Amino acid sequence: MRTKKYHILPLILTVAIGVALYGKPSIPDSDSGEWVRIRRQAPQTLIKSIFTDPEGNIIVGAGESFHTLDSEKWKRHTYEDVLHNHTPFIMDPDGSLFFIDDNDLVVLDNGIVTRYSDLEIRAPVVGEFSDNGILYMGSYHLTKGGIFSFDGKTVEKIREGRVRSLTIDESGKLWATTVDPDTNNMILTSYEDGEWIDHSGDIQYLYPALTNELTVQAAPDGALWVNNLGKYGILRNGEWTFYSGG
């Protein structure tokens, strides 16, 4: 394993402030529950990730850079001297950014870039943090996919296959939708006490039109949502409820 650190504070971020379009943006009240289009120059390339920072600002990974929306202004950020891929896929509660760059996990923390070369990780990647600070990463790469864990020091691979989505429920259980090696169908699985459990039999309502678009996510109220192109299921208090049209 090789771990490298680069101090980039003297380099400063390359920042280009978005140019206004169509006039002043309309920002909704945080409690309105309504979608409002913000009329500003926004990222124009393929969006690869979207999340919020600890202050609630929106971060969008797009193309070969990432963009932040702070109140009314978009800003574009790159790190030309230390990264080839400038698009982070997740941020931790302390504000550190995580990238997959040249198939390495790279962490940007307070201006210091640390590269972890334990294992090769191929994009596209999704990530989720556990309550005890473990970062779980799911790669959907055709031949190098899988689920990886990172404890702040070491990267380990804990499952083979292609990973569409992963989430952690209120009990701390890791869930994922995966296509296992040498198979074609995507399954719903969970990781409990070091063992993977296939839950596909619990979601038969979502079949037989099983596609590789099956996704899972944990809701703030403790429920687990599983979606599959026009159908979805909700696991709440140990009971599944299924619906069409979602």
C-alpha atoms as a PDB file:
ATOM      1  CA  MET A   1       0.000   0.000   0.000  1.00  0.00           C
ATOM      2  CA  ARG A   2       1.229   3.505  -0.708  1.00  0.00           C
ATOM      3  CA  THR A   3      -0.367   6.560   0.867  1.00  0.00           C
ATOM      4  CA  LYS A   4       0.646   9.957  -0.438  1.00  0.00           C
ATOM      5  CA  LYS A   5      -0.207  13.414   0.860  1.00  0.00           C
ATOM      6  CA  TYR A   6      -0.033  16.667  -1.039  1.00  0.00           C
ATOM      7  CA  HIS A   7      -0.299  20.128   0.501  1.00  0.00           C
ATOM      8  CA  ILE A   8      -2.235  22.286  -1.927  1.00  0.00           C
ATOM      9  CA  LEU A   9      -3.149  25.312   0.162  1.00  0.00           C
ATOM     10  CA  PRO A  10      -0.586  27.447  -1.710  1.00  0.00           C
ATOM     11  CA  LEU A  11      -2.141  26.394  -4.978  1.00  0.00           C
ATOM     12  CA  ILE A  12      -5.621  27.613  -3.991  1.00  0.00           C
ATOM     13  CA  LEU A  13      -8.721  26.403  -5.755  1.00  0.00           C
ATOM     14  CA  THR A  14      -9.321  27.328  -9.359  1.00  0.00           C
ATOM     15  CA  VAL A  15     -12.657  29.031  -9.000  1.00  0.00           C
ATOM     16  CA  ALA A  16     -14.837  30.479 -11.711  1.00  0.00           C
ATOM     17  CA  ILE A  17     -17.972  32.229 -10.521  1.00  0.00           C
ATOM     18  CA  GLY A  18     -21.078  31.403 -12.565  1.00  0.00           C
ATOM     19  CA  VAL A  19     -22.446  34.125 -14.792  1.00  0.00           C
ATOM     20  CA  ALA A  20     -26.002  35.223 -14.135  1.00  0.00           C
ATOM     21  CA  LEU A  21     -28.717  34.101 -16.527  1.00  0.00           C
ATOM     22  CA  TYR A  22     -32.199  35.541 -16.930  1.00  0.00           C
ATOM     23  CA  GLY A  23     -31.937  37.788 -13.891  1.00  0.00           C
ATOM     24  CA  LYS A  24     -32.037  37.216 -10.149  1.00  0.00           C
ATOM     25  CA  PRO A  25     -32.694  33.641  -8.990  1.00  0.00           C
ATOM     26  CA  SER A  26     -35.761  32.678  -7.044  1.00  0.00           C
ATOM     27  CA  ILE A  27     -34.817  30.804  -3.856  1.00  0.00           C
ATOM     28  CA  PRO A  28     -37.689  28.955  -2.135  1.00  0.00           C
ATOM     29  CA  ASP A  29     -38.408  29.074   1.571  1.00  0.00           C
ATOM     30  CA  SER A  30     -36.796  26.002   3.154  1.00  0.00           C
ATOM     31  CA  ASP A  31     -40.159  24.911   4.546  1.00  0.00           C
ATOM     32  CA  SER A  32     -42.228  25.456   1.395  1.00  0.00           C
ATOM     33  CA  GLY A  33     -41.805  21.931   0.046  1.00  0.00           C
ATOM     34  CA  GLU A  34     -41.850  23.262  -3.533  1.00  0.00           C
ATOM     35  CA  TRP A  35     -39.392  22.838  -6.407  1.00  0.00           C
ATOM     36  CA  VAL A  36     -38.166  26.189  -7.740  1.00  0.00           C
ATOM     37  CA  ARG A  37     -35.800  26.644 -10.669  1.00  0.00           C
ATOM     38  CA  ILE A  38     -32.761  28.756  -9.787  1.00  0.00           C
ATOM     39  CA  ARG A  39     -32.009  30.872 -12.836  1.00  0.00           C
ATOM     40  CA  ARG A  40     -28.247  30.963 -12.727  1.00  0.00           C
ATOM     41  CA  GLN A  41     -25.503  29.499 -14.882  1.00  0.00           C
ATOM     42  CA  ALA A  42     -25.465  25.907 -13.607  1.00  0.00           C
ATOM     43  CA  PRO A  43     -23.259  22.914 -14.518  1.00  0.00           C
ATOM     44  CA  GLN A  44     -23.791  22.138 -18.195  1.00  0.00           C
ATOM     45  CA  THR A  45     -22.053  18.755 -18.435  1.00  0.00           C
ATOM     46  CA  LEU A  46     -22.997  15.252 -17.275  1.00  0.00           C
ATOM     47  CA  ILE A  47     -23.883  15.292 -13.565  1.00  0.00           C
ATOM     48  CA  LYS A  48     -22.075  12.466 -11.750  1.00  0.00           C
ATOM     49  CA  SER A  49     -22.929  13.252  -8.111  1.00  0.00           C
ATOM     50  CA  ILE A  50     -25.002  15.629  -5.999  1.00  0.00           C
ATOM     51  CA  PHE A  51     -24.986  16.155  -2.234  1.00  0.00           C
ATOM     52  CA  THR A  52     -24.876  18.901   0.416  1.00  0.00           C
ATOM     53  CA  ASP A  53     -22.059  20.120   2.638  1.00  0.00           C
ATOM     54  CA  PRO A  54     -22.344  20.560   6.441  1.00  0.00           C
ATOM     55  CA  GLU A  55     -23.660  24.111   5.916  1.00  0.00           C
ATOM     56  CA  GLY A  56     -26.400  22.901   3.586  1.00  0.00           C
ATOM     57  CA  ASN A  57     -24.876  24.215   0.342  1.00  0.00           C
ATOM     58  CA  ILE A  58     -25.491  22.074  -2.739  1.00  0.00           C
ATOM     59  CA  ILE A  59     -22.477  20.385  -4.361  1.00  0.00           C
ATOM     60  CA  VAL A  60     -22.704  18.990  -7.887  1.00  0.00           C
ATOM     61  CA  GLY A  61     -20.010  16.842  -9.477  1.00  0.00           C
ATOM     62  CA  ALA A  62     -20.163  17.382 -13.226  1.00  0.00           C
ATOM     63  CA  GLY A  63     -17.755  16.730 -16.042  1.00  0.00           C
ATOM     64  CA  GLU A  64     -14.187  17.090 -14.796  1.00  0.00           C
ATOM     65  CA  SER A  65     -14.911  19.585 -12.008  1.00  0.00           C
ATOM     66  CA  PHE A  66     -17.386  20.182  -9.251  1.00  0.00           C
ATOM     67  CA  HIS A  67     -19.671  23.087  -8.526  1.00  0.00           C
ATOM     68  CA  THR A  68     -21.073  24.559  -5.311  1.00  0.00           C
ATOM     69  CA  LEU A  69     -24.244  26.575  -4.942  1.00  0.00           C
ATOM     70  CA  ASP A  70     -23.824  29.022  -2.072  1.00  0.00           C
ATOM     71  CA  SER A  71     -27.025  31.030  -1.716  1.00  0.00           C
ATOM     72  CA  GLU A  72     -27.356  32.662  -5.155  1.00  0.00           C
ATOM     73  CA  LYS A  73     -24.022  31.852  -6.818  1.00  0.00           C
ATOM     74  CA  TRP A  74     -22.519  28.791  -8.503  1.00  0.00           C
ATOM     75  CA  LYS A  75     -18.762  28.314  -8.184  1.00  0.00           C
ATOM     76  CA  ARG A  76     -16.609  25.893 -10.167  1.00  0.00           C
ATOM     77  CA  HIS A  77     -13.672  24.110  -8.481  1.00  0.00           C
ATOM     78  CA  THR A  78     -10.722  22.126  -9.856  1.00  0.00           C
ATOM     79  CA  TYR A  79      -7.403  20.865  -8.500  1.00  0.00           C
ATOM     80  CA  GLU A  80      -5.288  20.788 -11.629  1.00  0.00           C
ATOM     81  CA  ASP A  81      -1.908  19.981 -10.037  1.00  0.00           C
ATOM     82  CA  VAL A  82      -2.953  16.978  -7.912  1.00  0.00           C
ATOM     83  CA  LEU A  83      -6.046  15.362  -9.477  1.00  0.00           C
ATOM     84  CA  HIS A  84      -7.122  14.198 -12.907  1.00  0.00           C
ATOM     85  CA  ASN A  85     -10.723  13.629 -11.802  1.00  0.00           C
ATOM     86  CA  HIS A  86     -12.008  16.716  -9.996  1.00  0.00           C
ATOM     87  CA  THR A  87     -15.473  15.302  -9.291  1.00  0.00           C
ATOM     88  CA  PRO A  88     -16.060  14.141  -5.684  1.00  0.00           C
ATOM     89  CA  PHE A  89     -18.670  11.457  -5.026  1.00  0.00           C
ATOM     90  CA  ILE A  90     -19.357  12.170  -1.335  1.00  0.00           C
ATOM     91  CA  MET A  91     -18.491  14.480   1.577  1.00  0.00           C
ATOM     92  CA  ASP A  92     -18.185  13.434   5.220  1.00  0.00           C
ATOM     93  CA  PRO A  93     -19.805  15.308   8.152  1.00  0.00           C
ATOM     94  CA  ASP A  94     -16.561  17.228   8.735  1.00  0.00           C
ATOM     95  CA  GLY A  95     -16.481  18.567   5.172  1.00  0.00           C
ATOM     96  CA  SER A  96     -13.783  16.307   3.692  1.00  0.00           C
ATOM     97  CA  LEU A  97     -14.295  15.474   0.007  1.00  0.00           C
ATOM     98  CA  PHE A  98     -13.791  11.989  -1.450  1.00  0.00           C
ATOM     99  CA  PHE A  99     -12.745  11.306  -5.051  1.00  0.00           C
ATOM    100  CA  ILE A 100     -11.900   8.320  -7.238  1.00  0.00           C
ATOM    101  CA  ASP A 101      -8.826   9.476  -9.138  1.00  0.00           C
ATOM    102  CA  ASP A 102      -6.708   7.197 -11.335  1.00  0.00           C
ATOM    103  CA  ASN A 103      -8.606   4.309  -9.676  1.00  0.00           C
ATOM    104  CA  ASP A 104      -7.417   5.388  -6.194  1.00  0.00           C
ATOM    105  CA  LEU A 105      -9.497   6.684  -3.309  1.00  0.00           C
ATOM    106  CA  VAL A 106      -8.445  10.295  -2.718  1.00  0.00           C
ATOM    107  CA  VAL A 107      -9.448  12.455   0.265  1.00  0.00           C
ATOM    108  CA  LEU A 108      -9.279  16.250   0.340  1.00  0.00           C
ATOM    109  CA  ASP A 109      -9.244  17.460   3.962  1.00  0.00           C
ATOM    110  CA  ASN A 110      -8.482  21.077   4.880  1.00  0.00           C
ATOM    111  CA  GLY A 111      -6.404  21.616   1.771  1.00  0.00           C
ATOM    112  CA  ILE A 112      -4.430  18.368   2.083  1.00  0.00           C
ATOM    113  CA  VAL A 113      -4.904  15.634  -0.528  1.00  0.00           C
ATOM    114  CA  THR A 114      -4.249  12.060   0.636  1.00  0.00           C
ATOM    115  CA  ARG A 115      -4.188   9.225  -1.873  1.00  0.00           C
ATOM    116  CA  TYR A 116      -4.963   5.607  -0.843  1.00  0.00           C
ATOM    117  CA  SER A 117      -3.702   2.980  -3.272  1.00  0.00           C
ATOM    118  CA  ASP A 118      -4.608  -0.168  -1.321  1.00  0.00           C
ATOM    119  CA  LEU A 119      -7.037  -1.397  -3.980  1.00  0.00           C
ATOM    120  CA  GLU A 120      -8.132  -0.352  -7.440  1.00  0.00           C
ATOM    121  CA  ILE A 121     -11.591   1.254  -7.443  1.00  0.00           C
ATOM    122  CA  ARG A 122     -13.261   2.014 -10.759  1.00  0.00           C
ATOM    123  CA  ALA A 123     -15.968   4.603 -11.405  1.00  0.00           C
ATOM    124  CA  PRO A 124     -18.898   5.056 -11.318  1.00  0.00           C
ATOM    125  CA  VAL A 125     -18.997   4.961  -7.515  1.00  0.00           C
ATOM    126  CA  VAL A 126     -21.618   5.726  -4.865  1.00  0.00           C
ATOM    127  CA  GLY A 127     -20.845   6.120  -1.166  1.00  0.00           C
ATOM    128  CA  GLU A 128     -22.453   6.040   2.271  1.00  0.00           C
ATOM    129  CA  PHE A 129     -21.077   6.669   5.780  1.00  0.00           C
ATOM    130  CA  SER A 130     -21.962   4.519   8.771  1.00  0.00           C
ATOM    131  CA  ASP A 131     -22.565   6.004  12.229  1.00  0.00           C
ATOM    132  CA  ASN A 132     -19.097   4.876  13.305  1.00  0.00           C
ATOM    133  CA  GLY A 133     -17.426   6.671  10.402  1.00  0.00           C
ATOM    134  CA  ILE A 134     -16.850   3.774   7.995  1.00  0.00           C
ATOM    135  CA  LEU A 135     -17.194   4.797   4.353  1.00  0.00           C
ATOM    136  CA  TYR A 136     -18.833   2.143   2.172  1.00  0.00           C
ATOM    137  CA  MET A 137     -18.320   2.541  -1.578  1.00  0.00           C
ATOM    138  CA  GLY A 138     -20.178   0.741  -4.340  1.00  0.00           C
ATOM    139  CA  SER A 139     -18.676   0.511  -7.831  1.00  0.00           C
ATOM    140  CA  TYR A 140     -20.840  -0.299 -10.866  1.00  0.00           C
ATOM    141  CA  HIS A 141     -17.829  -0.960 -13.098  1.00  0.00           C
ATOM    142  CA  LEU A 142     -18.414  -3.863 -15.504  1.00  0.00           C
ATOM    143  CA  THR A 143     -15.361  -5.941 -14.546  1.00  0.00           C
ATOM    144  CA  LYS A 144     -13.907  -4.266 -11.427  1.00  0.00           C
ATOM    145  CA  GLY A 145     -17.105  -3.495  -9.517  1.00  0.00           C
ATOM    146  CA  GLY A 146     -17.883  -4.339  -5.920  1.00  0.00           C
ATOM    147  CA  ILE A 147     -18.409  -2.933  -2.434  1.00  0.00           C
ATOM    148  CA  PHE A 148     -15.442  -1.426  -0.618  1.00  0.00           C
ATOM    149  CA  SER A 149     -15.006  -0.196   2.957  1.00  0.00           C
ATOM    150  CA  PHE A 150     -12.680   2.545   4.213  1.00  0.00           C
ATOM    151  CA  ASP A 151     -11.966   3.036   7.919  1.00  0.00           C
ATOM    152  CA  GLY A 152      -9.895   6.170   7.493  1.00  0.00           C
ATOM    153  CA  LYS A 153      -6.687   4.202   6.977  1.00  0.00           C
ATOM    154  CA  THR A 154      -7.263   1.190   4.749  1.00  0.00           C
ATOM    155  CA  VAL A 155      -9.479   0.272   1.796  1.00  0.00           C
ATOM    156  CA  GLU A 156     -10.917  -3.262   1.741  1.00  0.00           C
ATOM    157  CA  LYS A 157     -13.187  -5.047  -0.730  1.00  0.00           C
ATOM    158  CA  ILE A 158     -16.093  -6.799   0.991  1.00  0.00           C
ATOM    159  CA  ARG A 159     -18.214  -7.893  -1.997  1.00  0.00           C
ATOM    160  CA  GLU A 160     -17.739  -8.649  -5.686  1.00  0.00           C
ATOM    161  CA  GLY A 161     -20.127  -7.607  -8.440  1.00  0.00           C
ATOM    162  CA  ARG A 162     -21.629  -4.432  -9.867  1.00  0.00           C
ATOM    163  CA  VAL A 163     -23.287  -2.088  -7.363  1.00  0.00           C
ATOM    164  CA  ARG A 164     -26.073   0.251  -8.438  1.00  0.00           C
ATOM    165  CA  SER A 165     -26.921   1.713  -5.013  1.00  0.00           C
ATOM    166  CA  LEU A 166     -26.240   1.296  -1.318  1.00  0.00           C
ATOM    167  CA  THR A 167     -27.589   2.762   1.910  1.00  0.00           C
ATOM    168  CA  ILE A 168     -27.465   2.274   5.678  1.00  0.00           C
ATOM    169  CA  ASP A 169     -30.681   1.978   7.679  1.00  0.00           C
ATOM    170  CA  GLU A 170     -31.365   3.338  11.165  1.00  0.00           C
ATOM    171  CA  SER A 171     -30.101   0.135  12.783  1.00  0.00           C
ATOM    172  CA  GLY A 172     -26.744   0.516  11.015  1.00  0.00           C
ATOM    173  CA  LYS A 173     -27.373  -2.306   8.525  1.00  0.00           C
ATOM    174  CA  LEU A 174     -25.814  -1.904   5.081  1.00  0.00           C
ATOM    175  CA  TRP A 175     -28.145  -2.532   2.100  1.00  0.00           C
ATOM    176  CA  ALA A 176     -27.209  -2.658  -1.581  1.00  0.00           C
ATOM    177  CA  THR A 177     -28.600  -3.486  -5.010  1.00  0.00           C
ATOM    178  CA  THR A 178     -26.049  -5.545  -6.923  1.00  0.00           C
ATOM    179  CA  VAL A 179     -25.453  -7.673  -9.990  1.00  0.00           C
ATOM    180  CA  ASP A 180     -23.288 -10.540  -8.797  1.00  0.00           C
ATOM    181  CA  PRO A 181     -20.517 -12.012 -10.989  1.00  0.00           C
ATOM    182  CA  ASP A 182     -21.699 -14.351 -13.763  1.00  0.00           C
ATOM    183  CA  THR A 183     -25.353 -13.287 -13.315  1.00  0.00           C
ATOM    184  CA  ASN A 184     -27.676 -10.900 -15.140  1.00  0.00           C
ATOM    185  CA  ASN A 185     -30.288  -9.977 -12.531  1.00  0.00           C
ATOM    186  CA  MET A 186     -29.923  -7.300  -9.905  1.00  0.00           C
ATOM    187  CA  ILE A 187     -30.725  -8.337  -6.330  1.00  0.00           C
ATOM    188  CA  LEU A 188     -31.431  -6.616  -3.024  1.00  0.00           C
ATOM    189  CA  THR A 189     -28.969  -7.671  -0.338  1.00  0.00           C
ATOM    190  CA  SER A 190     -27.943  -6.658   3.188  1.00  0.00           C
ATOM    191  CA  TYR A 191     -24.762  -7.093   5.201  1.00  0.00           C
ATOM    192  CA  GLU A 192     -25.279  -8.411   8.731  1.00  0.00           C
ATOM    193  CA  ASP A 193     -22.623  -9.744  11.113  1.00  0.00           C
ATOM    194  CA  GLY A 194     -20.193 -10.300   8.262  1.00  0.00           C
ATOM    195  CA  GLU A 195     -22.737 -12.185   6.119  1.00  0.00           C
ATOM    196  CA  TRP A 196     -24.568 -11.126   2.955  1.00  0.00           C
ATOM    197  CA  ILE A 197     -28.302 -11.915   2.899  1.00  0.00           C
ATOM    198  CA  ASP A 198     -30.326 -11.972  -0.341  1.00  0.00           C
ATOM    199  CA  HIS A 199     -33.715 -10.260   0.135  1.00  0.00           C
ATOM    200  CA  SER A 200     -34.937 -10.656  -3.445  1.00  0.00           C
ATOM    201  CA  GLY A 201     -37.575 -13.130  -2.275  1.00  0.00           C
ATOM    202  CA  ASP A 202     -39.112 -10.396  -0.123  1.00  0.00           C
ATOM    203  CA  ILE A 203     -39.723  -8.060  -3.058  1.00  0.00           C
ATOM    204  CA  GLN A 204     -41.439 -10.361  -5.547  1.00  0.00           C
ATOM    205  CA  TYR A 205     -43.983  -7.613  -6.276  1.00  0.00           C
ATOM    206  CA  LEU A 206     -41.219  -5.727  -8.071  1.00  0.00           C
ATOM    207  CA  TYR A 207     -40.654  -8.709 -10.384  1.00  0.00           C
ATOM    208  CA  PRO A 208     -40.693 -10.191 -12.984  1.00  0.00           C
ATOM    209  CA  ALA A 209     -39.677  -6.999 -14.756  1.00  0.00           C
ATOM    210  CA  LEU A 210     -36.437  -6.882 -12.811  1.00  0.00           C
ATOM    211  CA  THR A 211     -33.992  -4.549 -14.445  1.00  0.00           C
ATOM    212  CA  ASN A 212     -30.601  -3.232 -13.497  1.00  0.00           C
ATOM    213  CA  GLU A 213     -32.279  -0.032 -12.315  1.00  0.00           C
ATOM    214  CA  LEU A 214     -33.195  -1.459  -8.890  1.00  0.00           C
ATOM    215  CA  THR A 215     -32.223   1.066  -6.193  1.00  0.00           C
ATOM    216  CA  VAL A 216     -32.425   1.182  -2.410  1.00  0.00           C
ATOM    217  CA  GLN A 217     -32.381   4.150  -0.041  1.00  0.00           C
ATOM    218  CA  ALA A 218     -33.054   4.782   3.647  1.00  0.00           C
ATOM    219  CA  ALA A 219     -35.577   7.477   4.577  1.00  0.00           C
ATOM    220  CA  PRO A 220     -35.202   9.865   7.551  1.00  0.00           C
ATOM    221  CA  ASP A 221     -38.229   8.251   9.249  1.00  0.00           C
ATOM    222  CA  GLY A 222     -36.461   4.876   9.396  1.00  0.00           C
ATOM    223  CA  ALA A 223     -38.202   3.283   6.413  1.00  0.00           C
ATOM    224  CA  LEU A 224     -36.335   1.573   3.582  1.00  0.00           C
ATOM    225  CA  TRP A 225     -37.404   2.336   0.005  1.00  0.00           C
ATOM    226  CA  VAL A 226     -36.696   0.041  -2.961  1.00  0.00           C
ATOM    227  CA  ASN A 227     -37.527   1.231  -6.491  1.00  0.00           C
ATOM    228  CA  ASN A 228     -37.622  -0.600  -9.814  1.00  0.00           C
ATOM    229  CA  LEU A 229     -38.946   1.340 -12.833  1.00  0.00           C
ATOM    230  CA  GLY A 230     -42.614   1.954 -12.164  1.00  0.00           C
ATOM    231  CA  LYS A 231     -42.887  -0.032  -8.931  1.00  0.00           C
ATOM    232  CA  TYR A 232     -41.566   0.539  -5.434  1.00  0.00           C
ATOM    233  CA  GLY A 233     -41.653  -1.056  -2.012  1.00  0.00           C
ATOM    234  CA  ILE A 234     -41.356   0.393   1.495  1.00  0.00           C
ATOM    235  CA  LEU A 235     -40.016  -1.613   4.429  1.00  0.00           C
ATOM    236  CA  ARG A 236     -41.245  -0.112   7.701  1.00  0.00           C
ATOM    237  CA  ASN A 237     -41.238  -1.824  11.105  1.00  0.00           C
ATOM    238  CA  GLY A 238     -40.379  -5.142   9.481  1.00  0.00           C
ATOM    239  CA  GLU A 239     -43.331  -5.054   7.029  1.00  0.00           C
ATOM    240  CA  TRP A 240     -43.205  -4.496   3.264  1.00  0.00           C
ATOM    241  CA  THR A 241     -45.799  -2.392   1.414  1.00  0.00           C
ATOM    242  CA  PHE A 242     -45.714  -2.236  -2.387  1.00  0.00           C
ATOM    243  CA  TYR A 243     -47.006   0.332  -4.866  1.00  0.00           C
ATOM    244  CA  SER A 244     -47.155   0.912  -8.611  1.00  0.00           C
ATOM    245  CA  GLY A 245     -46.509   4.125 -10.475  1.00  0.00           C
ATOM    246  CA  GLY A 246     -43.380   5.287  -8.662  1.00  0.00           C
END
